[in-house]
Protein backbone atom coordinates (compact mmCIF):
# COMPACT_ATOMS: atom_id res chain seq x y z
CA MET A 1 -21.31 10.88 18.61
CA ALA A 2 -19.32 9.22 21.40
CA LEU A 3 -19.78 5.48 21.18
CA PHE A 4 -20.39 5.08 24.90
CA ASP A 5 -23.31 7.50 25.01
CA LEU A 6 -25.80 4.66 25.30
CA GLU A 7 -28.81 6.95 25.31
CA LYS A 8 -27.92 8.34 21.88
CA ILE A 9 -27.16 4.87 20.55
CA LYS A 10 -30.50 3.56 21.85
CA LYS A 11 -32.29 6.56 20.32
CA ARG A 12 -30.69 5.83 16.94
CA ILE A 13 -31.69 2.15 17.22
CA ASP A 14 -35.29 3.20 17.84
CA GLU A 15 -35.21 5.51 14.79
CA LEU A 16 -33.84 2.79 12.54
CA GLU A 17 -36.32 0.19 13.81
CA ALA A 18 -39.14 2.65 13.08
CA LYS A 19 -37.85 2.99 9.50
CA GLN A 20 -37.60 -0.76 9.17
CA ASN A 21 -41.24 -1.12 10.18
CA GLU A 22 -42.52 1.28 7.52
CA PRO A 23 -44.85 -0.43 5.00
CA ASN A 24 -42.78 0.40 1.91
CA PHE A 25 -39.40 -0.17 3.56
CA TRP A 26 -38.19 -2.81 1.07
CA ASN A 27 -39.30 -0.97 -2.06
CA GLU A 28 -35.81 0.52 -2.34
CA GLN A 29 -33.63 -2.50 -1.56
CA LYS A 30 -30.22 -0.80 -1.53
CA ALA A 31 -31.40 1.89 0.88
CA ALA A 32 -33.13 -0.74 3.01
CA VAL A 33 -29.98 -2.86 3.26
CA LYS A 34 -28.00 0.17 4.44
CA VAL A 35 -30.57 0.83 7.17
CA VAL A 36 -30.49 -2.82 8.27
CA ASN A 37 -26.68 -2.85 8.36
CA GLU A 38 -26.55 0.34 10.41
CA LEU A 39 -29.22 -1.01 12.76
CA ASN A 40 -27.34 -4.27 13.29
CA ASN A 41 -24.10 -2.40 13.89
CA HIS A 42 -25.66 -0.12 16.53
CA LYS A 43 -27.40 -3.05 18.20
CA ASP A 44 -24.13 -4.96 18.31
CA ILE A 45 -22.30 -2.07 19.97
CA TYR A 46 -25.15 -1.43 22.41
CA GLU A 47 -25.43 -5.06 23.45
CA SER A 48 -21.65 -5.54 23.65
CA PHE A 49 -21.18 -2.55 25.91
CA ASN A 50 -24.02 -3.64 28.18
CA LYS A 51 -22.45 -7.10 28.38
CA ILE A 52 -19.15 -5.56 29.48
CA LYS A 53 -20.88 -3.32 32.00
CA ASN A 54 -22.79 -6.24 33.52
CA SER A 55 -19.70 -8.48 33.65
CA TYR A 56 -17.74 -5.74 35.39
CA LYS A 57 -20.52 -5.33 37.97
CA ASP A 58 -20.68 -9.10 38.56
CA LEU A 59 -16.92 -9.29 39.03
CA SER A 60 -16.88 -6.27 41.34
CA ASP A 61 -19.66 -7.70 43.51
CA LEU A 62 -17.97 -11.10 43.63
CA LEU A 63 -14.59 -9.67 44.66
CA LYS A 64 -16.17 -7.76 47.55
CA SER A 65 -17.42 -11.01 49.07
CA LEU A 66 -14.51 -13.24 48.05
CA LYS A 67 -12.45 -15.02 50.69
CA ASP A 68 -8.97 -16.42 50.06
CA SER A 69 -10.03 -19.88 51.18
CA ASP A 70 -13.00 -20.07 48.81
CA LEU A 71 -11.31 -21.74 45.82
CA GLU A 72 -14.57 -22.32 43.96
CA MET A 73 -15.50 -18.64 44.08
CA LEU A 74 -11.94 -17.70 43.18
CA GLY A 75 -12.16 -19.88 40.07
CA LEU A 76 -15.47 -18.24 39.15
CA ALA A 77 -13.94 -14.78 39.56
CA ASN A 78 -11.06 -15.76 37.29
CA GLU A 79 -13.51 -17.07 34.67
CA ILE A 80 -15.53 -13.84 34.73
CA TYR A 81 -12.33 -11.80 34.52
CA THR A 82 -11.08 -13.79 31.50
CA ASN A 83 -14.41 -13.36 29.69
CA LEU A 84 -14.43 -9.66 30.57
CA LEU A 85 -11.00 -9.16 29.00
CA GLU A 86 -12.11 -10.99 25.85
CA ASN A 87 -15.27 -8.88 25.57
CA VAL A 88 -13.31 -5.66 26.12
CA ASN A 89 -10.86 -6.61 23.37
CA GLN A 90 -13.73 -7.39 20.97
CA MET A 91 -15.34 -4.07 21.86
CA ARG A 92 -12.03 -2.30 21.22
CA ILE A 93 -12.01 -3.65 17.66
CA LYS A 94 -15.61 -2.53 17.12
CA VAL A 95 -14.81 0.96 18.40
CA LEU A 96 -11.90 1.33 15.97
CA PHE A 97 -14.02 0.44 12.92
CA THR A 98 -17.06 2.66 13.24
CA GLY A 99 -16.23 4.97 10.33
CA GLU A 100 -18.81 5.26 7.59
CA PHE A 101 -16.61 3.48 5.05
CA ASP A 102 -14.47 1.27 7.31
CA ASN A 103 -16.14 -1.93 6.12
CA LEU A 104 -15.29 -1.27 2.45
CA ASN A 105 -12.36 -2.55 0.42
CA ALA A 106 -9.31 -0.31 0.10
CA ILE A 107 -7.65 1.07 -3.02
CA ILE A 108 -4.03 2.06 -2.44
CA ASP A 109 -2.20 4.43 -4.80
CA ILE A 110 1.61 4.71 -4.49
CA HIS A 111 3.86 7.36 -6.10
CA PRO A 112 7.59 8.04 -5.60
CA GLY A 113 8.72 11.49 -4.53
CA ALA A 114 11.70 13.42 -5.81
CA GLY A 115 14.90 11.40 -6.02
CA GLY A 116 14.78 9.41 -9.24
CA THR A 117 15.67 5.73 -9.07
CA GLU A 118 16.14 5.72 -5.30
CA ALA A 119 12.60 7.06 -4.71
CA MET A 120 11.12 4.70 -7.30
CA ASP A 121 12.75 1.75 -5.55
CA TRP A 122 11.35 2.96 -2.22
CA ALA A 123 7.85 3.17 -3.73
CA ASN A 124 8.23 -0.43 -4.90
CA MET A 125 9.30 -1.49 -1.39
CA LEU A 126 6.08 0.03 -0.03
CA PHE A 127 4.11 -1.76 -2.74
CA ARG A 128 5.59 -5.06 -1.57
CA MET A 129 5.00 -4.17 2.09
CA TYR A 130 1.26 -3.66 1.58
CA THR A 131 1.02 -6.78 -0.57
CA ARG A 132 2.70 -8.85 2.16
CA TYR A 133 0.45 -7.28 4.82
CA ALA A 134 -2.63 -8.28 2.84
CA GLU A 135 -1.34 -11.81 2.33
CA LYS A 136 -0.62 -12.23 6.05
CA HIS A 137 -4.23 -11.27 6.82
CA HIS A 138 -5.66 -13.46 4.03
CA PHE A 139 -6.97 -10.43 2.14
CA LYS A 140 -7.40 -10.54 -1.62
CA VAL A 141 -4.93 -8.39 -3.56
CA GLU A 142 -5.53 -7.13 -7.10
CA ILE A 143 -2.99 -5.04 -9.00
CA ILE A 144 -5.07 -2.43 -10.80
CA ASP A 145 -2.15 -0.55 -12.33
CA TYR A 146 1.65 -0.79 -12.21
CA GLN A 147 4.07 1.45 -14.09
CA TYR A 148 7.72 0.43 -14.07
CA GLY A 149 10.49 2.90 -13.23
CA GLU A 150 13.22 3.54 -15.82
CA GLU A 151 15.97 1.65 -13.98
CA ALA A 152 14.29 0.13 -10.94
CA GLY A 153 11.16 0.37 -8.82
CA LEU A 154 7.94 1.92 -10.01
CA LYS A 155 6.61 5.23 -11.33
CA SER A 156 3.15 4.55 -9.93
CA ALA A 157 1.07 1.63 -8.72
CA THR A 158 -2.52 1.05 -7.69
CA LEU A 159 -3.72 -2.04 -5.89
CA LYS A 160 -7.03 -3.09 -4.38
CA ILE A 161 -7.11 -4.92 -1.05
CA SER A 162 -10.36 -6.71 -0.32
CA GLY A 163 -11.35 -8.09 3.06
CA LEU A 164 -13.05 -7.38 6.37
CA HIS A 165 -12.44 -3.74 7.40
CA ALA A 166 -9.74 -3.37 4.71
CA TYR A 167 -10.28 0.38 4.37
CA GLY A 168 -10.75 0.82 8.11
CA LEU A 169 -7.37 -0.80 8.72
CA LEU A 170 -5.44 0.90 5.93
CA LYS A 171 -6.93 4.42 5.87
CA GLY A 172 -4.18 5.66 8.21
CA GLU A 173 -1.50 4.75 5.68
CA LYS A 174 -2.40 7.83 3.63
CA GLY A 175 0.48 10.30 3.59
CA VAL A 176 4.19 10.65 2.89
CA HIS A 177 6.53 7.81 3.91
CA ARG A 178 10.24 8.57 4.46
CA LEU A 179 13.15 6.14 4.01
CA VAL A 180 16.72 6.51 5.32
CA ARG A 181 19.25 3.90 4.15
CA ILE A 182 22.56 3.25 2.42
CA SER A 183 21.54 3.42 -1.21
CA PRO A 184 22.20 0.28 -3.28
CA PHE A 185 22.36 2.60 -6.31
CA ASP A 186 25.21 4.74 -4.90
CA ALA A 187 28.67 3.41 -5.75
CA ASN A 188 30.09 5.42 -2.82
CA LYS A 189 27.69 3.72 -0.35
CA ARG A 190 26.35 7.01 1.00
CA ARG A 191 23.23 7.37 3.09
CA HIS A 192 20.16 8.64 1.22
CA THR A 193 16.74 9.91 2.25
CA SER A 194 13.80 9.10 -0.04
CA PHE A 195 10.09 9.83 -0.01
CA ALA A 196 6.98 8.23 -1.47
CA SER A 197 3.31 9.12 -1.16
CA VAL A 198 0.51 6.70 -0.37
CA ASN A 199 -3.14 7.51 -0.97
CA VAL A 200 -5.92 5.26 0.31
CA ILE A 201 -9.55 5.51 -0.78
CA PRO A 202 -12.48 3.20 -0.08
CA GLU A 203 -13.94 1.22 -2.96
CA PHE A 204 -17.37 2.81 -3.03
CA ASP A 205 -20.51 0.97 -4.05
CA ASP A 206 -21.84 1.54 -7.56
CA ASP A 207 -24.83 3.42 -6.18
CA ILE A 208 -22.95 6.54 -5.06
CA GLU A 209 -24.28 9.53 -6.95
CA VAL A 210 -21.57 11.52 -8.70
CA GLU A 211 -22.27 13.40 -11.91
CA ILE A 212 -19.42 13.27 -14.42
CA ASN A 213 -19.63 15.08 -17.75
CA PRO A 214 -18.18 12.82 -20.48
CA ASP A 215 -16.73 15.92 -22.13
CA ASP A 216 -14.57 16.41 -19.03
CA LEU A 217 -12.79 13.11 -19.58
CA ARG A 218 -9.76 12.17 -21.66
CA VAL A 219 -9.57 8.41 -22.16
CA ASP A 220 -6.26 6.83 -23.24
CA THR A 221 -5.61 3.16 -23.89
CA TYR A 222 -2.23 1.42 -23.73
CA ARG A 223 -0.66 -2.00 -23.52
CA SER A 224 -0.60 -3.57 -20.06
CA GLY A 225 2.82 -4.12 -18.56
CA GLY A 226 2.51 -4.60 -14.84
CA ALA A 227 4.33 -6.37 -12.06
CA GLY A 228 4.46 -9.62 -13.98
CA GLY A 229 3.25 -13.13 -13.30
CA GLN A 230 -0.44 -13.84 -13.49
CA ASN A 231 -1.45 -10.66 -11.68
CA VAL A 232 -1.54 -8.48 -14.78
CA ASN A 233 -2.60 -9.55 -18.25
CA LYS A 234 -0.17 -8.22 -20.82
CA VAL A 235 -2.66 -7.30 -23.52
CA SER A 236 -3.59 -4.02 -25.17
CA SER A 237 -6.49 -3.34 -22.85
CA ALA A 238 -5.20 -0.92 -20.20
CA VAL A 239 -7.13 2.32 -19.72
CA ARG A 240 -6.11 5.68 -18.29
CA ILE A 241 -8.74 8.37 -17.63
CA THR A 242 -7.90 12.00 -16.92
CA HIS A 243 -10.56 14.21 -15.35
CA LEU A 244 -9.70 17.50 -17.01
CA PRO A 245 -11.32 19.95 -14.52
CA THR A 246 -9.43 18.51 -11.52
CA GLY A 247 -6.40 16.86 -13.14
CA ILE A 248 -7.21 13.55 -11.42
CA VAL A 249 -5.69 10.59 -13.28
CA VAL A 250 -6.81 6.99 -12.73
CA SER A 251 -5.56 3.86 -14.50
CA SER A 252 -6.51 0.21 -14.69
CA GLN A 253 -4.87 -2.72 -16.43
CA VAL A 254 -6.02 -5.62 -14.27
CA GLU A 255 -8.87 -6.77 -16.51
CA ARG A 256 -8.68 -8.40 -19.95
CA SER A 257 -11.01 -5.99 -21.72
CA GLN A 258 -10.90 -2.24 -22.19
CA LEU A 259 -14.54 -2.04 -21.12
CA GLN A 260 -13.86 -3.65 -17.75
CA ASN A 261 -10.79 -1.51 -17.16
CA LYS A 262 -12.76 1.59 -18.08
CA GLU A 263 -15.42 0.58 -15.55
CA ASN A 264 -12.70 0.19 -12.91
CA CYS A 265 -11.35 3.65 -13.72
CA MET A 266 -14.79 5.24 -13.55
CA LYS A 267 -15.45 3.62 -10.19
CA MET A 268 -12.16 4.97 -8.80
CA LEU A 269 -12.76 8.40 -10.29
CA LYS A 270 -16.26 8.55 -8.82
CA GLY A 271 -14.82 7.56 -5.44
CA ILE A 272 -12.18 10.30 -5.49
CA LEU A 273 -14.64 12.97 -6.65
CA TYR A 274 -17.14 11.83 -4.02
CA GLN A 275 -14.48 12.19 -1.34
CA ARG A 276 -13.71 15.72 -2.49
CA GLU A 277 -17.38 16.66 -2.34
CA VAL A 278 -17.70 15.17 1.14
CA GLU A 279 -14.61 17.12 2.24
CA LYS A 280 -16.19 20.38 1.16
CA LYS A 281 -19.33 19.65 3.15
CA GLN A 282 -17.71 18.09 6.21
CA LYS A 283 -14.19 19.17 7.08
CA ALA A 284 -14.32 16.73 9.94
CA LEU A 285 -13.86 13.89 7.44
CA ASP A 286 -10.11 14.45 7.37
CA ALA A 287 -9.81 10.82 8.45
CA ILE A 288 -10.91 9.87 4.95
CA VAL A 289 -9.40 12.56 2.75
CA GLY A 290 -6.69 14.02 4.94
CA GLU A 291 -4.44 16.94 4.16
CA LYS A 292 -2.43 16.97 0.96
CA ASN A 293 1.28 17.29 1.60
CA ASN A 294 4.24 17.72 -0.70
CA ILE A 295 6.27 14.53 -1.04
CA GLU A 296 9.29 15.94 0.74
CA TRP A 297 11.09 16.46 4.03
CA GLY A 298 8.93 17.51 6.96
CA SER A 299 5.60 16.26 5.68
CA GLN A 300 6.02 12.54 6.36
CA ILE A 301 3.63 10.53 8.52
CA ARG A 302 6.18 7.78 9.13
CA SER A 303 9.93 7.23 8.92
CA TYR A 304 11.71 3.98 8.11
CA VAL A 305 15.39 4.08 9.14
CA PHE A 306 17.78 1.31 8.04
CA CYS A 307 21.03 3.11 8.89
CA PRO A 308 22.82 4.09 11.20
CA TYR A 309 20.23 2.24 13.35
CA THR A 310 17.00 0.41 12.58
CA LEU A 311 13.70 2.04 13.51
CA VAL A 312 10.22 2.59 12.12
CA LYS A 313 8.41 5.48 13.81
CA ASP A 314 4.93 6.81 13.17
CA ASN A 315 4.96 10.58 13.68
CA ARG A 316 1.25 10.75 14.59
CA SER A 317 0.93 8.04 17.24
CA GLY A 318 4.58 7.94 18.34
CA PHE A 319 4.61 4.14 17.92
CA GLU A 320 8.07 2.69 17.26
CA ASN A 321 9.33 -0.67 16.02
CA VAL A 322 13.04 -1.46 15.72
CA GLU A 323 12.37 -4.55 13.57
CA VAL A 324 12.36 -2.62 10.30
CA ASN A 325 12.76 -5.72 8.13
CA GLN A 326 9.69 -7.32 9.72
CA VAL A 327 7.69 -4.16 9.04
CA MET A 328 8.79 -4.16 5.40
CA ASP A 329 7.65 -7.79 5.24
CA GLY A 330 4.12 -6.72 6.15
CA ASP A 331 4.15 -6.65 9.96
CA LEU A 332 2.09 -3.45 10.24
CA ASP A 333 -0.39 -4.34 12.98
CA GLY A 334 1.38 -2.39 15.73
CA LEU A 335 1.63 0.75 13.60
CA ILE A 336 -1.93 0.48 12.28
CA TYR A 337 -3.65 -0.11 15.62
CA ALA A 338 -1.58 2.55 17.40
CA TYR A 339 -2.78 5.10 14.83
CA LEU A 340 -6.41 3.94 15.04
CA GLU A 341 -6.40 4.14 18.84
CA GLU A 342 -4.85 7.60 18.72
CA GLU A 343 -7.55 8.74 16.30
CA ALA A 344 -10.26 7.22 18.48
CA LYS A 345 -8.96 9.20 21.47
CA ARG A 346 -8.70 12.37 19.39
CA HIS A 347 -12.36 12.06 18.44
CA GLY A 348 -13.44 11.39 22.00
CA ILE A 349 -13.92 7.64 21.60
CA ARG A 350 -12.38 5.63 24.44
């Protein structure tokens, strides 16, 4: 549904208000809260767009009658114009975060591609990049799992980023990321190309319905040994769960008890399985699940070039940033919003 089809939005508001007025509406509180949230979201969009439309009409009418010598009217026109720009920018943000799960927290899973130590180091650089991005935006970061590489970097890492529209902002990071640089691990100082994959899933609520047969699970426990500091508790409480029918593996070592880590794993597993089920029913949800690509040349969504020049380029939106070190330090806003705007256009939302 195009967001600017006000008739459809108003129709949906009427439907939700009718539900809200049903006598037994609050008997099922979780379902009721979802209806209220959707209703408030649609009302917000409807009212915001009408506000923009009315401001534009007021400004247009004022400019038609404006004379150069009328400084008071000129000041009023400038005030309306400034408010209009602010409202349009706020509406732009609302348009970009209308996905079903955009308001949820994000779970990011990072794996190195082929290339040994070089790829593992690149995966660790991405891990730091997303951590710094979250810190810059005052999001909460939790390291759910971190597996060290043999010599450097990481074999795999999972972190949860919690905050307003965390998944909506980070969902476009899913895919293969390509690095070109002079390798610090090459004594001959040759240029290397490395790959790492990033998967992003929303942290679903506990009430999503996914049936999991306990016989389909292999549960392993191991000693935590994460990224150090206070982020990971180094006790024998880490849990890894393998879903045998699909081969999905999830791990958690962030909590102090095996029970809590197992609950984390089950929540992640349910989320991944739920996504797969949604994908079967609605192929249009590629914005959530996306296509699975091999972690290799030609399948990357973004390239980070350190040598012979500096450039970060997103292959989907075409957005470029020559300040590669700033990007690696978490300056991702340009890349993220360029992708979101491109997706909005692709889906007919402008």
